Amino acid sequence: MPEPARGTRYLDPAALAKLKNLGLAARLVVEGLFSGQHRSPQRGFAVEFAEHREYTAGIDLRHLDWKILAKRDRLYVKQYEEQTNLRGYLVLDASASMGYRHTGPMSKLEYASYLAAALAYLMMVQHDAFGLIVCGDRVRLNIPPRQGRSHLRVVLEQLENVRPEGETDLPRTFHQLAETMKRRALVVVLSDLFGGTGSDTGDLIDALGHFRHKKHEVVVLQVLDQAELTFPFRDAGQIEDIETHATIASDAEAIRNHYLGQLTAHLDGVRRGCMSHEIGYAMADTTEPFDVFLGTFLTRRSHQHVARMAY
């Protein structure tokens, strides 16, 4: 595997070495990073089922459909669509809320940037085209997908310069992006998924579903600080919105109970919404090493793909 570009803090060689040891890098070269996100009209015995055709002499018997043979007493083979190199967009939320860090090793934005860098590196290795979109309430940076080591350096340098700022309007931003992405692609969203003032979980899911409506494959990696998941602030009598700086004062325990209830409903809504739209989803806690999280997620995706193929 080629050496990563040097001089960047969002690409940990030791972490990527762990991914390589898991055998993921070689597997991703064959599968195209995530399953089912890009196809060509060419036919072969590749990855995704396309149709049946009658058996002719010389075709590998491993491709026979034994169920049809049992039902019809005729020989048919499964024909598959070959996969081609993908186009991937890494969509990074850099709104002010992503700058939050309580006691973990890094902020949510830093954690998401490590994930983005690792994914960009893996796509570079397998000769896929990858781009970077930085957004919040609007698109702040849009680097179109390209291949190669030099393009990787461009992406990593831009990741170095990203700072958390501004409010969030993810639904509006995602709708705009879905309309501008003309070619089918893999869209990887890295965000805390706090949609912004005036939006709810349904708006967010609708916006993510817009990508699917445009035939894109979508993966959502939600990044949260452990304190956001547990709300350990039992003596908190005043809460400040990190984006709007608005404050509210109330009973600390009442705030905690209300917050955790709202968070649980939000996370459940995100999971169900992603499942209903066939969107890949995983949540990362910033206290978990990013390479462990990514390796676990990719392994699960690979197993799901193998299970679909076996079915």
Protein backbone atom coordinates (compact mmCIF):
# COMPACT_ATOMS: atom_id res chain seq x y z
CA MET A 1 0.00 0.00 0.00
CA PRO A 2 1.39 3.45 -0.85
CA GLU A 3 2.62 5.71 1.91
CA PRO A 4 0.19 8.48 2.89
CA ALA A 5 0.98 12.10 2.24
CA ARG A 6 3.16 13.50 5.01
CA GLY A 7 2.88 16.65 7.06
CA THR A 8 -0.81 16.34 7.92
CA ARG A 9 -2.38 15.68 11.28
CA TYR A 10 -5.62 14.11 10.02
CA LEU A 11 -3.96 11.01 8.61
CA ASP A 12 -2.60 8.67 11.24
CA PRO A 13 -0.34 6.04 9.59
CA ALA A 14 -0.69 3.73 12.57
CA ALA A 15 -4.47 3.84 12.29
CA LEU A 16 -4.38 3.07 8.58
CA ALA A 17 -1.98 0.22 9.27
CA LYS A 18 -4.62 -1.26 11.56
CA LEU A 19 -7.20 -1.04 8.80
CA LYS A 20 -4.76 -2.76 6.47
CA ASN A 21 -4.19 -5.53 9.01
CA LEU A 22 -7.92 -6.12 9.11
CA GLY A 23 -7.71 -6.86 5.42
CA LEU A 24 -10.10 -4.01 4.65
CA ALA A 25 -7.92 -2.13 2.21
CA ALA A 26 -7.58 -5.08 -0.17
CA ARG A 27 -11.27 -5.90 0.19
CA LEU A 28 -12.27 -2.32 -0.54
CA VAL A 29 -10.29 -2.37 -3.79
CA VAL A 30 -12.59 -5.16 -4.99
CA GLU A 31 -15.84 -3.94 -3.48
CA GLY A 32 -15.42 -0.23 -4.21
CA LEU A 33 -15.26 0.94 -0.56
CA PHE A 34 -18.95 0.40 0.16
CA SER A 35 -21.23 -2.07 -1.51
CA GLY A 36 -23.55 -1.31 -4.36
CA GLN A 37 -22.81 2.34 -5.00
CA HIS A 38 -21.66 2.33 -8.62
CA ARG A 39 -22.33 0.26 -11.70
CA SER A 40 -21.64 0.11 -15.37
CA PRO A 41 -23.83 -1.41 -18.10
CA GLN A 42 -21.09 -3.92 -18.90
CA ARG A 43 -21.93 -7.47 -17.91
CA GLY A 44 -19.73 -9.96 -16.14
CA PHE A 45 -19.55 -12.08 -13.02
CA ALA A 46 -18.75 -9.23 -10.69
CA VAL A 47 -20.68 -8.01 -7.72
CA GLU A 48 -24.34 -7.12 -8.16
CA PHE A 49 -27.09 -9.34 -9.59
CA ALA A 50 -28.60 -8.08 -12.86
CA GLU A 51 -30.63 -10.87 -14.51
CA HIS A 52 -30.76 -14.55 -15.50
CA ARG A 53 -29.80 -16.02 -18.86
CA GLU A 54 -29.74 -19.53 -20.22
CA TYR A 55 -26.68 -21.62 -19.58
CA THR A 56 -24.31 -22.23 -22.49
CA ALA A 57 -21.34 -24.58 -22.61
CA GLY A 58 -18.17 -23.21 -21.09
CA ILE A 59 -19.73 -21.02 -18.38
CA ASP A 60 -18.47 -21.71 -14.87
CA LEU A 61 -20.97 -23.99 -13.12
CA ARG A 62 -20.58 -21.96 -9.92
CA HIS A 63 -22.88 -19.34 -11.47
CA LEU A 64 -25.78 -21.74 -12.01
CA ASP A 65 -29.01 -20.83 -10.23
CA TRP A 66 -29.89 -24.12 -8.55
CA LYS A 67 -33.29 -22.86 -7.37
CA ILE A 68 -34.45 -22.35 -10.95
CA LEU A 69 -33.03 -25.73 -11.91
CA ALA A 70 -35.07 -27.39 -9.16
CA LYS A 71 -38.28 -25.55 -10.13
CA ARG A 72 -38.09 -25.62 -13.92
CA ASP A 73 -35.56 -28.35 -14.65
CA ARG A 74 -33.68 -25.88 -16.87
CA LEU A 75 -30.20 -24.44 -16.57
CA TYR A 76 -29.90 -20.70 -15.97
CA VAL A 77 -26.95 -18.66 -14.77
CA LYS A 78 -26.93 -15.51 -12.70
CA GLN A 79 -25.61 -12.52 -14.56
CA TYR A 80 -24.07 -9.64 -12.65
CA GLU A 81 -23.25 -6.02 -13.27
CA GLU A 82 -19.60 -5.14 -13.14
CA GLN A 83 -18.60 -2.35 -10.84
CA THR A 84 -16.42 0.54 -11.90
CA ASN A 85 -14.39 3.04 -9.92
CA LEU A 86 -16.65 5.18 -7.81
CA ARG A 87 -17.03 8.92 -7.33
CA GLY A 88 -17.16 9.82 -3.66
CA TYR A 89 -18.13 13.03 -1.87
CA LEU A 90 -17.00 13.52 1.72
CA VAL A 91 -19.52 15.99 3.15
CA LEU A 92 -18.08 17.51 6.34
CA ASP A 93 -20.26 19.56 8.70
CA ALA A 94 -18.09 22.42 10.02
CA SER A 95 -20.78 24.43 11.84
CA ALA A 96 -20.00 25.83 15.28
CA SER A 97 -21.59 22.90 17.12
CA MET A 98 -18.97 20.59 15.60
CA GLY A 99 -16.27 22.43 17.56
CA TYR A 100 -17.62 21.11 20.85
CA ARG A 101 -15.30 19.07 23.09
CA HIS A 102 -15.96 18.29 26.75
CA THR A 103 -13.28 15.97 28.09
CA GLY A 104 -12.59 13.77 25.08
CA PRO A 105 -9.32 13.69 23.13
CA MET A 106 -10.62 15.88 20.30
CA SER A 107 -13.56 17.96 19.12
CA LYS A 108 -16.27 16.50 16.94
CA LEU A 109 -14.87 18.37 13.94
CA GLU A 110 -11.38 17.03 14.51
CA TYR A 111 -12.74 13.50 14.87
CA ALA A 112 -14.82 13.82 11.70
CA SER A 113 -11.79 15.22 9.86
CA TYR A 114 -9.73 12.17 10.83
CA LEU A 115 -12.47 9.97 9.43
CA ALA A 116 -12.63 12.02 6.24
CA ALA A 117 -8.86 11.83 5.80
CA ALA A 118 -8.80 8.06 6.29
CA LEU A 119 -11.63 7.55 3.81
CA ALA A 120 -9.97 9.84 1.26
CA TYR A 121 -6.74 7.89 1.61
CA LEU A 122 -8.47 4.55 1.14
CA MET A 123 -10.29 5.82 -1.94
CA MET A 124 -7.02 7.13 -3.33
CA VAL A 125 -5.42 3.70 -2.86
CA GLN A 126 -8.17 1.98 -4.82
CA HIS A 127 -8.04 4.60 -7.61
CA ASP A 128 -11.47 6.06 -6.89
CA ALA A 129 -12.32 9.72 -7.37
CA PHE A 130 -13.04 11.60 -4.14
CA GLY A 131 -14.00 15.16 -3.30
CA LEU A 132 -14.53 17.24 -0.18
CA ILE A 133 -17.52 19.43 0.65
CA VAL A 134 -17.40 21.57 3.80
CA CYS A 135 -20.73 22.98 4.92
CA GLY A 136 -22.87 24.33 7.72
CA ASP A 137 -25.77 26.62 6.89
CA ARG A 138 -24.28 26.79 3.39
CA VAL A 139 -21.56 25.17 1.31
CA ARG A 140 -18.26 26.78 2.30
CA LEU A 141 -15.93 24.62 0.21
CA ASN A 142 -16.53 22.24 -2.69
CA ILE A 143 -13.57 20.30 -4.09
CA PRO A 144 -14.81 18.15 -7.00
CA PRO A 145 -13.95 14.43 -7.03
CA ARG A 146 -10.65 13.52 -8.64
CA GLN A 147 -8.20 10.66 -8.39
CA GLY A 148 -4.60 10.49 -7.30
CA ARG A 149 -2.04 11.30 -4.65
CA SER A 150 -1.77 14.97 -5.55
CA HIS A 151 -5.52 15.38 -5.13
CA LEU A 152 -5.30 13.63 -1.76
CA ARG A 153 -2.81 16.27 -0.63
CA VAL A 154 -5.20 19.03 -1.73
CA VAL A 155 -8.02 17.48 0.31
CA LEU A 156 -5.83 16.99 3.37
CA GLU A 157 -4.51 20.53 3.22
CA GLN A 158 -8.07 21.85 3.13
CA LEU A 159 -9.01 19.67 6.08
CA GLU A 160 -6.16 21.30 8.00
CA ASN A 161 -7.73 24.71 7.41
CA VAL A 162 -11.32 23.90 8.37
CA ARG A 163 -12.57 25.71 11.47
CA PRO A 164 -15.96 25.33 13.19
CA GLU A 165 -18.11 28.39 12.68
CA GLY A 166 -21.61 29.55 11.96
CA GLU A 167 -25.06 28.10 12.44
CA THR A 168 -26.41 24.88 10.95
CA ASP A 169 -29.01 24.32 8.27
CA LEU A 170 -28.27 20.80 7.14
CA PRO A 171 -31.63 20.10 5.46
CA ARG A 172 -31.34 23.11 3.16
CA THR A 173 -27.69 22.40 2.44
CA PHE A 174 -28.31 18.73 1.65
CA HIS A 175 -31.19 19.57 -0.68
CA GLN A 176 -28.95 22.03 -2.55
CA LEU A 177 -26.14 19.50 -2.82
CA ALA A 178 -28.47 16.76 -4.05
CA GLU A 179 -29.55 19.00 -6.92
CA THR A 180 -25.98 19.91 -7.91
CA MET A 181 -24.51 16.37 -7.93
CA LYS A 182 -25.29 15.35 -11.50
CA ARG A 183 -23.46 12.03 -11.64
CA ARG A 184 -24.24 9.08 -9.45
CA ALA A 185 -21.89 8.96 -6.48
CA LEU A 186 -21.23 7.78 -2.95
CA VAL A 187 -22.07 10.55 -0.46
CA VAL A 188 -20.50 10.19 3.00
CA VAL A 189 -21.94 12.65 5.52
CA LEU A 190 -19.83 13.39 8.62
CA SER A 191 -21.83 15.46 11.08
CA ASP A 192 -23.39 15.63 14.52
CA LEU A 193 -26.72 15.90 12.64
CA PHE A 194 -27.96 18.77 14.74
CA GLY A 195 -30.02 20.22 11.92
CA GLY A 196 -30.41 23.80 13.08
CA THR A 197 -33.12 26.21 14.18
CA GLY A 198 -36.52 25.50 12.68
CA SER A 199 -35.66 22.03 11.39
CA ASP A 200 -36.50 18.68 12.92
CA THR A 201 -35.42 15.08 12.41
CA GLY A 202 -38.02 14.62 9.68
CA ASP A 203 -36.59 17.54 7.69
CA LEU A 204 -33.12 16.05 8.00
CA ILE A 205 -34.21 12.60 6.84
CA ASP A 206 -36.13 14.09 3.92
CA ALA A 207 -32.97 15.93 2.86
CA LEU A 208 -30.86 12.78 3.09
CA GLY A 209 -33.56 10.97 1.16
CA HIS A 210 -33.15 13.55 -1.60
CA PHE A 211 -29.69 12.08 -2.26
CA ARG A 212 -31.23 8.63 -2.56
CA HIS A 213 -33.93 9.97 -4.88
CA LYS A 214 -31.11 11.15 -7.13
CA LYS A 215 -29.72 7.58 -7.12
CA HIS A 216 -26.73 8.33 -4.89
CA GLU A 217 -25.50 5.85 -2.31
CA VAL A 218 -25.46 7.53 1.10
CA VAL A 219 -23.53 6.78 4.27
CA VAL A 220 -24.07 8.85 7.42
CA LEU A 221 -21.43 8.86 10.15
CA GLN A 222 -22.86 10.78 13.09
CA VAL A 223 -20.17 12.13 15.42
CA LEU A 224 -21.08 13.03 19.00
CA ASP A 225 -19.17 13.95 22.13
CA GLN A 226 -19.69 11.58 25.05
CA ALA A 227 -21.00 14.46 27.15
CA GLU A 228 -23.72 15.02 24.55
CA LEU A 229 -24.75 11.39 24.95
CA THR A 230 -24.77 11.32 28.76
CA PHE A 231 -25.27 14.99 29.82
CA PRO A 232 -23.13 14.77 32.98
CA PHE A 233 -23.85 18.40 33.96
CA ARG A 234 -26.04 17.76 37.00
CA ASP A 235 -25.35 21.20 38.42
CA ALA A 236 -26.10 23.05 35.19
CA GLY A 237 -28.57 25.85 35.81
CA GLN A 238 -27.91 27.71 32.57
CA ILE A 239 -27.46 26.33 29.07
CA GLU A 240 -25.92 28.20 26.14
CA ASP A 241 -26.47 27.32 22.47
CA ILE A 242 -22.98 27.03 20.98
CA GLU A 243 -24.16 28.38 17.62
CA THR A 244 -26.62 31.15 18.53
CA HIS A 245 -25.23 31.88 22.03
CA ALA A 246 -28.79 32.05 23.36
CA THR A 247 -29.08 30.99 27.02
CA ILE A 248 -31.86 29.51 29.11
CA ALA A 249 -32.03 29.06 32.88
CA SER A 250 -33.92 26.26 34.58
CA ASP A 251 -33.71 23.42 37.05
CA ALA A 252 -30.61 21.39 36.23
CA GLU A 253 -32.19 17.97 36.61
CA ALA A 254 -35.24 18.99 34.59
CA ILE A 255 -33.01 20.23 31.79
CA ARG A 256 -31.02 16.99 31.85
CA ASN A 257 -34.12 14.78 31.68
CA HIS A 258 -35.67 16.84 28.91
CA TYR A 259 -32.43 16.91 26.91
CA LEU A 260 -31.84 13.16 27.15
CA GLY A 261 -35.43 12.48 26.14
CA GLN A 262 -35.11 14.75 23.11
CA LEU A 263 -31.77 13.24 22.15
CA THR A 264 -33.10 9.69 22.36
CA ALA A 265 -36.03 10.62 20.13
CA HIS A 266 -33.69 12.33 17.66
CA LEU A 267 -31.28 9.38 17.46
CA ASP A 268 -34.11 6.89 17.08
CA GLY A 269 -35.61 9.02 14.33
CA VAL A 270 -32.28 9.24 12.51
CA ARG A 271 -31.72 5.48 12.68
CA ARG A 272 -35.23 4.62 11.52
CA GLY A 273 -35.12 7.24 8.78
CA CYS A 274 -31.80 6.02 7.46
CA MET A 275 -33.03 2.45 7.47
CA SER A 276 -36.22 3.36 5.61
CA HIS A 277 -34.19 5.10 2.88
CA GLU A 278 -31.52 2.35 2.75
CA ILE A 279 -28.88 4.76 4.01
CA GLY A 280 -25.85 3.37 5.80
CA TYR A 281 -25.61 4.74 9.34
CA ALA A 282 -23.25 4.56 12.32
CA MET A 283 -22.73 6.79 15.34
CA ALA A 284 -19.26 7.60 16.65
CA ASP A 285 -18.43 8.63 20.21
CA THR A 286 -15.32 10.85 20.12
CA THR A 287 -13.80 8.90 23.00
CA GLU A 288 -13.52 5.84 20.71
CA PRO A 289 -10.35 5.75 18.56
CA PHE A 290 -11.44 6.84 15.10
CA ASP A 291 -9.66 3.99 13.34
CA VAL A 292 -11.37 1.42 15.57
CA PHE A 293 -14.75 2.96 14.79
CA LEU A 294 -14.05 3.09 11.06
CA GLY A 295 -12.65 -0.44 10.92
CA THR A 296 -15.68 -1.81 12.77
CA PHE A 297 -18.08 0.04 10.51
CA LEU A 298 -16.39 -1.05 7.29
CA THR A 299 -16.21 -4.65 8.46
CA ARG A 300 -19.93 -4.64 9.21
CA ARG A 301 -20.68 -3.14 5.79
CA SER A 302 -18.57 -5.81 4.14
CA HIS A 303 -20.38 -8.59 6.01
CA GLN A 304 -23.74 -7.12 5.04
CA HIS A 305 -22.64 -7.08 1.41
CA VAL A 306 -21.52 -10.72 1.56
CA ALA A 307 -24.84 -11.65 3.16
CA ARG A 308 -26.77 -9.95 0.35
CA MET A 309 -24.67 -11.79 -2.22
CA ALA A 310 -25.32 -15.14 -0.51
CA TYR A 311 -29.03 -14.41 -0.39
